[in-house]
Amino acid sequence: MTCKEVLDKNDLTVAEFYAWNPAVGPECGNMWPNYRYCIRGPEATSTGTGPSVPGPTQSGIPENCEKWHVTKENDTCPKVVKEYGITLEQFYRNTAVQNDCADGFWKGNAYCVAVSG
């Protein structure tokens, strides 16, 4: 099975698959036949004191989150920050998201887009 087939079958992004299987490389070029790979990350955790979290989150989400965005296919960091009128620096308070948004920005995860105070 190819990397693309694994990603498509399990509705994963390359970033998700790489985060859970670092040996495959960031572009999935080191995937070996007859090896087992992780296709599901940690279960959802709830953080924040505001509204309930609408999807799985990663560690590093601001505890005082009041508004959430669940990423969809074709979402990008610039698209999300524009939608909510925030800056990239504000979005990076979700510390799981790296400053280039290539790692830690996973489809279907909830990210904080507004904090209290």
PDB file of N, CA and C in Angstrom:
ATOM      1  N   MET A   1       0.851  -1.165   0.000  1.00  0.00           N
ATOM      2  CA  MET A   1       0.000   0.000   0.000  1.00  0.00           C
ATOM      3  C   MET A   1       0.903   1.237   0.000  1.00  0.00           C
ATOM      4  N   THR A   2       0.592   2.208  -0.821  1.00  0.00           N
ATOM      5  CA  THR A   2       1.384   3.428  -0.882  1.00  0.00           C
ATOM      6  C   THR A   2       0.995   4.379   0.242  1.00  0.00           C
ATOM      7  N   CYS A   3       1.843   5.359   0.468  1.00  0.00           N
ATOM      8  CA  CYS A   3       1.546   6.366   1.488  1.00  0.00           C
ATOM      9  C   CYS A   3       0.231   7.072   1.162  1.00  0.00           C
ATOM     10  N   LYS A   4       0.058   7.458  -0.090  1.00  0.00           N
ATOM     11  CA  LYS A   4      -1.181   8.148  -0.495  1.00  0.00           C
ATOM     12  C   LYS A   4      -2.407   7.284  -0.209  1.00  0.00           C
ATOM     13  N   GLU A   5      -2.299   6.002  -0.481  1.00  0.00           N
ATOM     14  CA  GLU A   5      -3.426   5.094  -0.219  1.00  0.00           C
ATOM     15  C   GLU A   5      -3.736   5.025   1.275  1.00  0.00           C
ATOM     16  N   VAL A   6      -2.698   4.970   2.114  1.00  0.00           N
ATOM     17  CA  VAL A   6      -2.899   4.949   3.564  1.00  0.00           C
ATOM     18  C   VAL A   6      -3.568   6.238   4.016  1.00  0.00           C
ATOM     19  N   LEU A   7      -3.073   7.379   3.514  1.00  0.00           N
ATOM     20  CA  LEU A   7      -3.641   8.674   3.895  1.00  0.00           C
ATOM     21  C   LEU A   7      -5.096   8.780   3.469  1.00  0.00           C
ATOM     22  N   ASP A   8      -5.384   8.426   2.221  1.00  0.00           N
ATOM     23  CA  ASP A   8      -6.749   8.512   1.713  1.00  0.00           C
ATOM     24  C   ASP A   8      -7.690   7.573   2.459  1.00  0.00           C
ATOM     25  N   LYS A   9      -7.267   6.328   2.656  1.00  0.00           N
ATOM     26  CA  LYS A   9      -8.114   5.335   3.323  1.00  0.00           C
ATOM     27  C   LYS A   9      -8.465   5.740   4.745  1.00  0.00           C
ATOM     28  N   ASN A  10      -7.530   6.421   5.417  1.00  0.00           N
ATOM     29  CA  ASN A  10      -7.727   6.775   6.826  1.00  0.00           C
ATOM     30  C   ASN A  10      -8.031   8.248   7.047  1.00  0.00           C
ATOM     31  N   ASP A  11      -8.268   8.976   5.954  1.00  0.00           N
ATOM     32  CA  ASP A  11      -8.614  10.399   6.012  1.00  0.00           C
ATOM     33  C   ASP A  11      -7.589  11.179   6.837  1.00  0.00           C
ATOM     34  N   LEU A  12      -6.295  11.009   6.482  1.00  0.00           N
ATOM     35  CA  LEU A  12      -5.200  11.652   7.183  1.00  0.00           C
ATOM     36  C   LEU A  12      -4.469  12.621   6.275  1.00  0.00           C
ATOM     37  N   THR A  13      -3.793  13.573   6.885  1.00  0.00           N
ATOM     38  CA  THR A  13      -2.881  14.443   6.150  1.00  0.00           C
ATOM     39  C   THR A  13      -1.477  13.882   6.311  1.00  0.00           C
ATOM     40  N   VAL A  14      -0.576  14.294   5.435  1.00  0.00           N
ATOM     41  CA  VAL A  14       0.820  13.879   5.562  1.00  0.00           C
ATOM     42  C   VAL A  14       1.375  14.349   6.900  1.00  0.00           C
ATOM     43  N   ALA A  15       1.010  15.564   7.329  1.00  0.00           N
ATOM     44  CA  ALA A  15       1.512  16.104   8.601  1.00  0.00           C
ATOM     45  C   ALA A  15       1.091  15.224   9.781  1.00  0.00           C
ATOM     46  N   GLU A  16      -0.168  14.766   9.792  1.00  0.00           N
ATOM     47  CA  GLU A  16      -0.625  13.887  10.865  1.00  0.00           C
ATOM     48  C   GLU A  16       0.166  12.579  10.857  1.00  0.00           C
ATOM     49  N   PHE A  17       0.248  11.968   9.672  1.00  0.00           N
ATOM     50  CA  PHE A  17       0.925  10.679   9.549  1.00  0.00           C
ATOM     51  C   PHE A  17       2.394  10.796   9.961  1.00  0.00           C
ATOM     52  N   TYR A  18       3.045  11.851   9.545  1.00  0.00           N
ATOM     53  CA  TYR A  18       4.452  12.086   9.887  1.00  0.00           C
ATOM     54  C   TYR A  18       4.622  12.328  11.394  1.00  0.00           C
ATOM     55  N   ALA A  19       3.700  13.089  12.000  1.00  0.00           N
ATOM     56  CA  ALA A  19       3.790  13.360  13.437  1.00  0.00           C
ATOM     57  C   ALA A  19       3.730  12.070  14.250  1.00  0.00           C
ATOM     58  N   TRP A  20       2.935  11.117  13.787  1.00  0.00           N
ATOM     59  CA  TRP A  20       2.771   9.861  14.516  1.00  0.00           C
ATOM     60  C   TRP A  20       3.795   8.811  14.082  1.00  0.00           C
ATOM     61  N   ASN A  21       4.432   9.035  12.920  1.00  0.00           N
ATOM     62  CA  ASN A  21       5.400   8.088  12.365  1.00  0.00           C
ATOM     63  C   ASN A  21       6.598   8.856  11.814  1.00  0.00           C
ATOM     64  N   PRO A  22       7.415   9.466  12.671  1.00  0.00           N
ATOM     65  CA  PRO A  22       8.491  10.339  12.198  1.00  0.00           C
ATOM     66  C   PRO A  22       9.472   9.661  11.244  1.00  0.00           C
ATOM     67  N   ALA A  23       9.622   8.356  11.336  1.00  0.00           N
ATOM     68  CA  ALA A  23      10.584   7.659  10.474  1.00  0.00           C
ATOM     69  C   ALA A  23      10.207   7.729   8.999  1.00  0.00           C
ATOM     70  N   VAL A  24       8.928   7.987   8.682  1.00  0.00           N
ATOM     71  CA  VAL A  24       8.539   8.044   7.268  1.00  0.00           C
ATOM     72  C   VAL A  24       9.008   9.323   6.596  1.00  0.00           C
ATOM     73  N   GLY A  25       9.372  10.323   7.386  1.00  0.00           N
ATOM     74  CA  GLY A  25       9.826  11.599   6.823  1.00  0.00           C
ATOM     75  C   GLY A  25       8.667  12.541   6.557  1.00  0.00           C
ATOM     76  N   PRO A  26       8.951  13.837   6.445  1.00  0.00           N
ATOM     77  CA  PRO A  26       7.893  14.843   6.307  1.00  0.00           C
ATOM     78  C   PRO A  26       7.117  14.746   4.989  1.00  0.00           C
ATOM     79  N   GLU A  27       7.675  14.063   4.006  1.00  0.00           N
ATOM     80  CA  GLU A  27       6.961  13.896   2.743  1.00  0.00           C
ATOM     81  C   GLU A  27       6.594  12.439   2.499  1.00  0.00           C
ATOM     82  N   CYS A  28       6.691  11.625   3.536  1.00  0.00           N
ATOM     83  CA  CYS A  28       6.286  10.226   3.495  1.00  0.00           C
ATOM     84  C   CYS A  28       7.146   9.413   2.528  1.00  0.00           C
ATOM     85  N   GLY A  29       8.413   9.774   2.389  1.00  0.00           N
ATOM     86  CA  GLY A  29       9.283   9.087   1.448  1.00  0.00           C
ATOM     87  C   GLY A  29       9.965   7.849   1.989  1.00  0.00           C
ATOM     88  N   ASN A  30       9.874   7.603   3.293  1.00  0.00           N
ATOM     89  CA  ASN A  30      10.570   6.461   3.887  1.00  0.00           C
ATOM     90  C   ASN A  30       9.617   5.388   4.387  1.00  0.00           C
ATOM     91  N   MET A  31       8.481   5.250   3.755  1.00  0.00           N
ATOM     92  CA  MET A  31       7.522   4.227   4.160  1.00  0.00           C
ATOM     93  C   MET A  31       7.958   2.885   3.579  1.00  0.00           C
ATOM     94  N   TRP A  32       8.015   1.854   4.433  1.00  0.00           N
ATOM     95  CA  TRP A  32       8.507   0.549   4.020  1.00  0.00           C
ATOM     96  C   TRP A  32       7.367  -0.467   3.973  1.00  0.00           C
ATOM     97  N   PRO A  33       7.404  -1.367   3.005  1.00  0.00           N
ATOM     98  CA  PRO A  33       6.373  -2.408   2.942  1.00  0.00           C
ATOM     99  C   PRO A  33       6.479  -3.350   4.144  1.00  0.00           C
ATOM    100  N   ASN A  34       5.367  -3.911   4.516  1.00  0.00           N
ATOM    101  CA  ASN A  34       5.264  -4.904   5.595  1.00  0.00           C
ATOM    102  C   ASN A  34       5.625  -4.364   6.975  1.00  0.00           C
ATOM    103  N   TYR A  35       5.562  -3.056   7.157  1.00  0.00           N
ATOM    104  CA  TYR A  35       5.745  -2.443   8.471  1.00  0.00           C
ATOM    105  C   TYR A  35       4.401  -1.903   8.941  1.00  0.00           C
ATOM    106  N   ARG A  36       4.250  -1.798  10.226  1.00  0.00           N
ATOM    107  CA  ARG A  36       3.025  -1.234  10.796  1.00  0.00           C
ATOM    108  C   ARG A  36       3.264   0.229  11.116  1.00  0.00           C
ATOM    109  N   TYR A  37       2.246   1.042  10.875  1.00  0.00           N
ATOM    110  CA  TYR A  37       2.331   2.480  11.124  1.00  0.00           C
ATOM    111  C   TYR A  37       1.113   2.933  11.908  1.00  0.00           C
ATOM    112  N   CYS A  38       1.323   3.957  12.710  1.00  0.00           N
ATOM    113  CA  CYS A  38       0.236   4.533  13.498  1.00  0.00           C
ATOM    114  C   CYS A  38      -0.669   5.348  12.582  1.00  0.00           C
ATOM    115  N   ILE A  39      -1.975   5.112  12.680  1.00  0.00           N
ATOM    116  CA  ILE A  39      -2.936   5.869  11.863  1.00  0.00           C
ATOM    117  C   ILE A  39      -3.946   6.635  12.708  1.00  0.00           C
ATOM    118  N   ARG A  40      -3.743   6.637  14.027  1.00  0.00           N
ATOM    119  CA  ARG A  40      -4.631   7.397  14.902  1.00  0.00           C
ATOM    120  C   ARG A  40      -3.803   7.988  16.020  1.00  0.00           C
ATOM    121  N   GLY A  41      -3.980   9.300  16.248  1.00  0.00           N
ATOM    122  CA  GLY A  41      -3.232   9.979  17.289  1.00  0.00           C
ATOM    123  C   GLY A  41      -3.914   9.862  18.630  1.00  0.00           C
ATOM    124  N   PRO A  42      -3.440  10.638  19.595  1.00  0.00           N
ATOM    125  CA  PRO A  42      -4.031  10.611  20.936  1.00  0.00           C
ATOM    126  C   PRO A  42      -5.497  10.998  20.889  1.00  0.00           C
ATOM    127  N   GLU A  43      -6.260  10.441  21.801  1.00  0.00           N
ATOM    128  CA  GLU A  43      -7.672  10.775  21.899  1.00  0.00           C
ATOM    129  C   GLU A  43      -7.848  12.249  22.246  1.00  0.00           C
ATOM    130  N   ALA A  44      -8.992  12.759  21.937  1.00  0.00           N
ATOM    131  CA  ALA A  44      -9.294  14.161  22.200  1.00  0.00           C
ATOM    132  C   ALA A  44      -9.164  14.477  23.688  1.00  0.00           C
ATOM    133  N   THR A  45      -8.677  15.663  23.948  1.00  0.00           N
ATOM    134  CA  THR A  45      -8.634  16.149  25.317  1.00  0.00           C
ATOM    135  C   THR A  45      -9.353  17.482  25.345  1.00  0.00           C
ATOM    136  N   SER A  46      -9.985  17.763  26.424  1.00  0.00           N
ATOM    137  CA  SER A  46     -10.712  19.020  26.545  1.00  0.00           C
ATOM    138  C   SER A  46      -9.883  19.994  27.354  1.00  0.00           C
ATOM    139  N   THR A  47      -9.680  21.176  26.802  1.00  0.00           N
ATOM    140  CA  THR A  47      -9.003  22.233  27.536  1.00  0.00           C
ATOM    141  C   THR A  47      -9.846  23.481  27.425  1.00  0.00           C
ATOM    142  N   GLY A  48      -9.512  24.463  28.218  1.00  0.00           N
ATOM    143  CA  GLY A  48     -10.212  25.735  28.125  1.00  0.00           C
ATOM    144  C   GLY A  48     -11.307  25.861  29.157  1.00  0.00           C
ATOM    145  N   THR A  49     -11.664  27.104  29.419  1.00  0.00           N
ATOM    146  CA  THR A  49     -12.710  27.370  30.393  1.00  0.00           C
ATOM    147  C   THR A  49     -13.950  27.924  29.724  1.00  0.00           C
ATOM    148  N   GLY A  50     -13.876  28.190  28.439  1.00  0.00           N
ATOM    149  CA  GLY A  50     -15.003  28.748  27.700  1.00  0.00           C
ATOM    150  C   GLY A  50     -15.918  27.657  27.193  1.00  0.00           C
ATOM    151  N   PRO A  51     -16.463  27.860  25.983  1.00  0.00           N
ATOM    152  CA  PRO A  51     -17.386  26.883  25.413  1.00  0.00           C
ATOM    153  C   PRO A  51     -16.729  25.516  25.280  1.00  0.00           C
ATOM    154  N   SER A  52     -17.568  24.481  25.234  1.00  0.00           N
ATOM    155  CA  SER A  52     -17.016  23.134  25.117  1.00  0.00           C
ATOM    156  C   SER A  52     -16.210  22.998  23.827  1.00  0.00           C
ATOM    157  N   VAL A  53     -15.223  22.157  23.893  1.00  0.00           N
ATOM    158  CA  VAL A  53     -14.323  21.958  22.769  1.00  0.00           C
ATOM    159  C   VAL A  53     -15.040  21.110  21.720  1.00  0.00           C
ATOM    160  N   PRO A  54     -15.120  21.599  20.462  1.00  0.00           N
ATOM    161  CA  PRO A  54     -15.903  20.910  19.436  1.00  0.00           C
ATOM    162  C   PRO A  54     -15.166  19.804  18.694  1.00  0.00           C
ATOM    163  N   GLY A  55     -13.974  19.450  19.115  1.00  0.00           N
ATOM    164  CA  GLY A  55     -13.224  18.405  18.428  1.00  0.00           C
ATOM    165  C   GLY A  55     -11.973  18.074  19.200  1.00  0.00           C
ATOM    166  N   PRO A  56     -11.180  17.141  18.679  1.00  0.00           N
ATOM    167  CA  PRO A  56      -9.936  16.792  19.361  1.00  0.00           C
ATOM    168  C   PRO A  56      -8.971  17.963  19.367  1.00  0.00           C
ATOM    169  N   THR A  57      -8.151  18.034  20.397  1.00  0.00           N
ATOM    170  CA  THR A  57      -7.138  19.078  20.503  1.00  0.00           C
ATOM    171  C   THR A  57      -5.793  18.430  20.781  1.00  0.00           C
ATOM    172  N   GLN A  58      -4.759  19.211  20.638  1.00  0.00           N
ATOM    173  CA  GLN A  58      -3.421  18.783  20.993  1.00  0.00           C
ATOM    174  C   GLN A  58      -3.034  19.517  22.275  1.00  0.00           C
ATOM    175  N   SER A  59      -1.917  19.131  22.853  1.00  0.00           N
ATOM    176  CA  SER A  59      -1.454  19.869  24.021  1.00  0.00           C
ATOM    177  C   SER A  59      -1.025  21.261  23.564  1.00  0.00           C
ATOM    178  N   GLY A  60      -1.036  22.204  24.479  1.00  0.00           N
ATOM    179  CA  GLY A  60      -0.575  23.547  24.158  1.00  0.00           C
ATOM    180  C   GLY A  60      -1.671  24.496  23.704  1.00  0.00           C
ATOM    181  N   ILE A  61      -2.926  24.135  23.914  1.00  0.00           N
ATOM    182  CA  ILE A  61      -4.032  25.029  23.582  1.00  0.00           C
ATOM    183  C   ILE A  61      -4.222  25.972  24.772  1.00  0.00           C
ATOM    184  N   PRO A  62      -4.405  27.282  24.523  1.00  0.00           N
ATOM    185  CA  PRO A  62      -4.593  28.211  25.643  1.00  0.00           C
ATOM    186  C   PRO A  62      -5.744  27.786  26.562  1.00  0.00           C
ATOM    187  N   GLU A  63      -5.492  27.834  27.855  1.00  0.00           N
ATOM    188  CA  GLU A  63      -6.497  27.403  28.827  1.00  0.00           C
ATOM    189  C   GLU A  63      -7.696  28.335  28.891  1.00  0.00           C
ATOM    190  N   ASN A  64      -7.528  29.594  28.490  1.00  0.00           N
ATOM    191  CA  ASN A  64      -8.629  30.553  28.561  1.00  0.00           C
ATOM    192  C   ASN A  64      -9.309  30.731  27.200  1.00  0.00           C
ATOM    193  N   CYS A  65      -9.359  29.673  26.408  1.00  0.00           N
ATOM    194  CA  CYS A  65      -9.954  29.744  25.078  1.00  0.00           C
ATOM    195  C   CYS A  65     -11.466  29.948  25.167  1.00  0.00           C
ATOM    196  N   GLU A  66     -11.969  30.870  24.347  1.00  0.00           N
ATOM    197  CA  GLU A  66     -13.403  31.149  24.315  1.00  0.00           C
ATOM    198  C   GLU A  66     -14.042  30.862  22.969  1.00  0.00           C
ATOM    199  N   LYS A  67     -13.231  30.662  21.932  1.00  0.00           N
ATOM    200  CA  LYS A  67     -13.794  30.405  20.616  1.00  0.00           C
ATOM    201  C   LYS A  67     -12.887  29.425  19.885  1.00  0.00           C
ATOM    202  N   TRP A  68     -13.500  28.476  19.194  1.00  0.00           N
ATOM    203  CA  TRP A  68     -12.773  27.384  18.558  1.00  0.00           C
ATOM    204  C   TRP A  68     -13.007  27.358  17.052  1.00  0.00           C
ATOM    205  N   HIS A  69     -12.030  26.811  16.355  1.00  0.00           N
ATOM    206  CA  HIS A  69     -12.175  26.505  14.926  1.00  0.00           C
ATOM    207  C   HIS A  69     -11.734  25.066  14.723  1.00  0.00           C
ATOM    208  N   VAL A  70     -12.584  24.255  14.093  1.00  0.00           N
ATOM    209  CA  VAL A  70     -12.220  22.886  13.745  1.00  0.00           C
ATOM    210  C   VAL A  70     -11.785  22.896  12.293  1.00  0.00           C
ATOM    211  N   THR A  71     -10.557  22.469  12.048  1.00  0.00           N
ATOM    212  CA  THR A  71     -10.006  22.541  10.696  1.00  0.00           C
ATOM    213  C   THR A  71     -10.694  21.552   9.768  1.00  0.00           C
ATOM    214  N   LYS A  72     -10.813  21.999   8.524  1.00  0.00           N
ATOM    215  CA  LYS A  72     -11.436  21.213   7.467  1.00  0.00           C
ATOM    216  C   LYS A  72     -10.431  21.031   6.338  1.00  0.00           C
ATOM    217  N   GLU A  73     -10.786  20.189   5.405  1.00  0.00           N
ATOM    218  CA  GLU A  73      -9.982  20.018   4.192  1.00  0.00           C
ATOM    219  C   GLU A  73      -9.758  21.391   3.576  1.00  0.00           C
ATOM    220  N   ASN A  74      -8.574  21.648   3.106  1.00  0.00           N
ATOM    221  CA  ASN A  74      -8.189  22.900   2.448  1.00  0.00           C
ATOM    222  C   ASN A  74      -8.016  24.086   3.385  1.00  0.00           C
ATOM    223  N   ASP A  75      -8.176  23.902   4.698  1.00  0.00           N
ATOM    224  CA  ASP A  75      -7.875  24.993   5.621  1.00  0.00           C
ATOM    225  C   ASP A  75      -6.363  25.217   5.646  1.00  0.00           C
ATOM    226  N   THR A  76      -5.981  26.450   5.811  1.00  0.00           N
ATOM    227  CA  THR A  76      -4.581  26.819   6.004  1.00  0.00           C
ATOM    228  C   THR A  76      -4.540  27.787   7.173  1.00  0.00           C
ATOM    229  N   CYS A  77      -3.369  27.978   7.742  1.00  0.00           N
ATOM    230  CA  CYS A  77      -3.264  28.947   8.837  1.00  0.00           C
ATOM    231  C   CYS A  77      -3.685  30.346   8.378  1.00  0.00           C
ATOM    232  N   PRO A  78      -3.180  30.852   7.233  1.00  0.00           N
ATOM    233  CA  PRO A  78      -3.616  32.180   6.800  1.00  0.00           C
ATOM    234  C   PRO A  78      -5.126  32.286   6.587  1.00  0.00           C
ATOM    235  N   LYS A  79      -5.737  31.225   6.085  1.00  0.00           N
ATOM    236  CA  LYS A  79      -7.191  31.235   5.870  1.00  0.00           C
ATOM    237  C   LYS A  79      -7.943  31.320   7.206  1.00  0.00           C
ATOM    238  N   VAL A  80      -7.488  30.569   8.202  1.00  0.00           N
ATOM    239  CA  VAL A  80      -8.145  30.574   9.516  1.00  0.00           C
ATOM    240  C   VAL A  80      -7.994  31.929  10.188  1.00  0.00           C
ATOM    241  N   VAL A  81      -6.778  32.502  10.178  1.00  0.00           N
ATOM    242  CA  VAL A  81      -6.594  33.787  10.856  1.00  0.00           C
ATOM    243  C   VAL A  81      -7.395  34.891  10.176  1.00  0.00           C
ATOM    244  N   LYS A  82      -7.515  34.834   8.857  1.00  0.00           N
ATOM    245  CA  LYS A  82      -8.326  35.829   8.145  1.00  0.00           C
ATOM    246  C   LYS A  82      -9.801  35.697   8.515  1.00  0.00           C
ATOM    247  N   GLU A  83     -10.271  34.450   8.598  1.00  0.00           N
ATOM    248  CA  GLU A  83     -11.680  34.206   8.940  1.00  0.00           C
ATOM    249  C   GLU A  83     -12.055  34.792  10.303  1.00  0.00           C
ATOM    250  N   TYR A  84     -11.118  34.743  11.260  1.00  0.00           N
ATOM    251  CA  TYR A  84     -11.415  35.206  12.616  1.00  0.00           C
ATOM    252  C   TYR A  84     -10.822  36.574  12.936  1.00  0.00           C
ATOM    253  N   GLY A  85     -10.142  37.178  11.973  1.00  0.00           N
ATOM    254  CA  GLY A  85      -9.592  38.511  12.188  1.00  0.00           C
ATOM    255  C   GLY A  85      -8.513  38.558  13.248  1.00  0.00           C
ATOM    256  N   ILE A  86      -7.687  37.515  13.302  1.00  0.00           N
ATOM    257  CA  ILE A  86      -6.588  37.481  14.257  1.00  0.00           C
ATOM    258  C   ILE A  86      -5.270  37.437  13.479  1.00  0.00           C
ATOM    259  N   THR A  87      -4.164  37.575  14.192  1.00  0.00           N
ATOM    260  CA  THR A  87      -2.855  37.519  13.549  1.00  0.00           C
ATOM    261  C   THR A  87      -2.299  36.092  13.652  1.00  0.00           C
ATOM    262  N   LEU A  88      -1.297  35.811  12.827  1.00  0.00           N
ATOM    263  CA  LEU A  88      -0.630  34.508  12.937  1.00  0.00           C
ATOM    264  C   LEU A  88       0.001  34.339  14.311  1.00  0.00           C
ATOM    265  N   GLU A  89       0.561  35.424  14.855  1.00  0.00           N
ATOM    266  CA  GLU A  89       1.161  35.346  16.182  1.00  0.00           C
ATOM    267  C   GLU A  89       0.124  34.936  17.230  1.00  0.00           C
ATOM    268  N   GLN A  90      -1.087  35.465  17.108  1.00  0.00           N
ATOM    269  CA  GLN A  90      -2.151  35.073  18.037  1.00  0.00           C
ATOM    270  C   GLN A  90      -2.517  33.602  17.833  1.00  0.00           C
ATOM    271  N   PHE A  91      -2.577  33.166  16.587  1.00  0.00           N
ATOM    272  CA  PHE A  91      -2.919  31.769  16.310  1.00  0.00           C
ATOM    273  C   PHE A  91      -1.849  30.823  16.840  1.00  0.00           C
ATOM    274  N   TYR A  92      -0.597  31.253  16.810  1.00  0.00           N
ATOM    275  CA  TYR A  92       0.500  30.412  17.285  1.00  0.00           C
ATOM    276  C   TYR A  92       0.487  30.242  18.802  1.00  0.00           C
ATOM    277  N   ARG A  93      -0.450  30.866  19.504  1.00  0.00           N
ATOM    278  CA  ARG A  93      -0.622  30.583  20.934  1.00  0.00           C
ATOM    279  C   ARG A  93      -1.084  29.137  21.115  1.00  0.00           C
ATOM    280  N   ASN A  94      -1.614  28.543  20.040  1.00  0.00           N
ATOM    281  CA  ASN A  94      -1.856  27.104  19.993  1.00  0.00           C
ATOM    282  C   ASN A  94      -0.475  26.494  19.751  1.00  0.00           C
ATOM    283  N   THR A  95       0.268  26.234  20.810  1.00  0.00           N
ATOM    284  CA  THR A  95       1.690  25.941  20.666  1.00  0.00           C
ATOM    285  C   THR A  95       1.992  24.660  19.898  1.00  0.00           C
ATOM    286  N   ALA A  96       1.020  23.802  19.682  1.00  0.00           N
ATOM    287  CA  ALA A  96       1.263  22.610  18.868  1.00  0.00           C
ATOM    288  C   ALA A  96       1.502  22.996  17.412  1.00  0.00           C
ATOM    289  N   VAL A  97       0.964  24.138  16.996  1.00  0.00           N
ATOM    290  CA  VAL A  97       1.141  24.612  15.621  1.00  0.00           C
ATOM    291  C   VAL A  97       2.510  25.272  15.530  1.00  0.00           C
ATOM    292  N   GLN A  98       3.322  24.786  14.630  1.00  0.00           N
ATOM    293  CA  GLN A  98       4.645  25.363  14.443  1.00  0.00           C
ATOM    294  C   GLN A  98       4.532  26.652  13.644  1.00  0.00           C
ATOM    295  N   ASN A  99       5.536  27.489  13.709  1.00  0.00           N
ATOM    296  CA  ASN A  99       5.485  28.791  13.063  1.00  0.00           C
ATOM    297  C   ASN A  99       5.352  28.744  11.548  1.00  0.00           C
ATOM    298  N   ASP A 100       5.549  27.593  10.933  1.00  0.00           N
ATOM    299  CA  ASP A 100       5.335  27.507   9.494  1.00  0.00           C
ATOM    300  C   ASP A 100       4.023  26.801   9.162  1.00  0.00           C
ATOM    301  N   CYS A 101       3.301  26.366  10.178  1.00  0.00           N
ATOM    302  CA  CYS A 101       2.022  25.657  10.043  1.00  0.00           C
ATOM    303  C   CYS A 101       2.149  24.346   9.279  1.00  0.00           C
ATOM    304  N   ALA A 102       3.358  23.853   9.084  1.00  0.00           N
ATOM    305  CA  ALA A 102       3.531  22.573   8.407  1.00  0.00           C
ATOM    306  C   ALA A 102       3.339  21.413   9.385  1.00  0.00           C
ATOM    307  N   ASP A 103       3.634  21.627  10.650  1.00  0.00           N
ATOM    308  CA  ASP A 103       3.463  20.593  11.663  1.00  0.00           C
ATOM    309  C   ASP A 103       2.449  21.060  12.687  1.00  0.00           C
ATOM    310  N   GLY A 104       1.694  20.132  13.204  1.00  0.00           N
ATOM    311  CA  GLY A 104       0.757  20.443  14.274  1.00  0.00           C
ATOM    312  C   GLY A 104      -0.535  21.086  13.822  1.00  0.00           C
ATOM    313  N   PHE A 105      -0.739  21.256  12.536  1.00  0.00           N
ATOM    314  CA  PHE A 105      -1.984  21.825  12.012  1.00  0.00           C
ATOM    315  C   PHE A 105      -2.716  20.683  11.320  1.00  0.00           C
ATOM    316  N   TRP A 106      -3.599  20.025  12.060  1.00  0.00           N
ATOM    317  CA  TRP A 106      -4.206  18.779  11.608  1.00  0.00           C
ATOM    318  C   TRP A 106      -5.686  18.945  11.300  1.00  0.00           C
ATOM    319  N   LYS A 107      -6.092  18.408  10.192  1.00  0.00           N
ATOM    320  CA  LYS A 107      -7.501  18.426   9.801  1.00  0.00           C
ATOM    321  C   LYS A 107      -8.342  17.734  10.866  1.00  0.00           C
ATOM    322  N   GLY A 108      -9.471  18.354  11.226  1.00  0.00           N
ATOM    323  CA  GLY A 108     -10.383  17.781  12.200  1.00  0.00           C
ATOM    324  C   GLY A 108     -10.071  18.124  13.645  1.00  0.00           C
ATOM    325  N   ASN A 109      -8.971  18.822  13.894  1.00  0.00           N
ATOM    326  CA  ASN A 109      -8.630  19.228  15.263  1.00  0.00           C
ATOM    327  C   ASN A 109      -9.189  20.624  15.547  1.00  0.00           C
ATOM    328  N   ALA A 110      -9.471  20.860  16.828  1.00  0.00           N
ATOM    329  CA  ALA A 110      -9.979  22.160  17.262  1.00  0.00           C
ATOM    330  C   ALA A 110      -8.810  23.033  17.702  1.00  0.00           C
ATOM    331  N   TYR A 111      -8.804  24.268  17.230  1.00  0.00           N
ATOM    332  CA  TYR A 111      -7.766  25.238  17.592  1.00  0.00           C
ATOM    333  C   TYR A 111      -8.431  26.478  18.155  1.00  0.00           C
ATOM    334  N   CYS A 112      -7.771  27.079  19.131  1.00  0.00           N
ATOM    335  CA  CYS A 112      -8.292  28.274  19.772  1.00  0.00           C
ATOM    336  C   CYS A 112      -8.097  29.491  18.842  1.00  0.00           C
ATOM    337  N   VAL A 113      -9.172  30.253  18.657  1.00  0.00           N
ATOM    338  CA  VAL A 113      -9.093  31.458  17.830  1.00  0.00           C
ATOM    339  C   VAL A 113      -9.498  32.710  18.595  1.00  0.00           C
ATOM    340  N   ALA A 114      -9.810  32.575  19.883  1.00  0.00           N
ATOM    341  CA  ALA A 114     -10.099  33.736  20.739  1.00  0.00           C
ATOM    342  C   ALA A 114      -9.961  33.305  22.190  1.00  0.00           C
ATOM    343  N   VAL A 115      -9.331  34.151  22.984  1.00  0.00           N
ATOM    344  CA  VAL A 115      -9.149  33.886  24.398  1.00  0.00           C
ATOM    345  C   VAL A 115      -9.837  34.953  25.229  1.00  0.00           C
ATOM    346  N   SER A 116     -10.151  34.612  26.490  1.00  0.00           N
ATOM    347  CA  SER A 116     -10.756  35.597  27.389  1.00  0.00           C
ATOM    348  C   SER A 116      -9.672  36.501  27.944  1.00  0.00           C
ATOM    349  N   GLY A 117     -10.086  37.693  28.343  1.00  0.00           N
ATOM    350  CA  GLY A 117      -9.148  38.622  28.963  1.00  0.00           C
ATOM    351  C   GLY A 117      -8.422  39.364  27.950  1.00  0.00           C
TER     352      GLY A 117
END
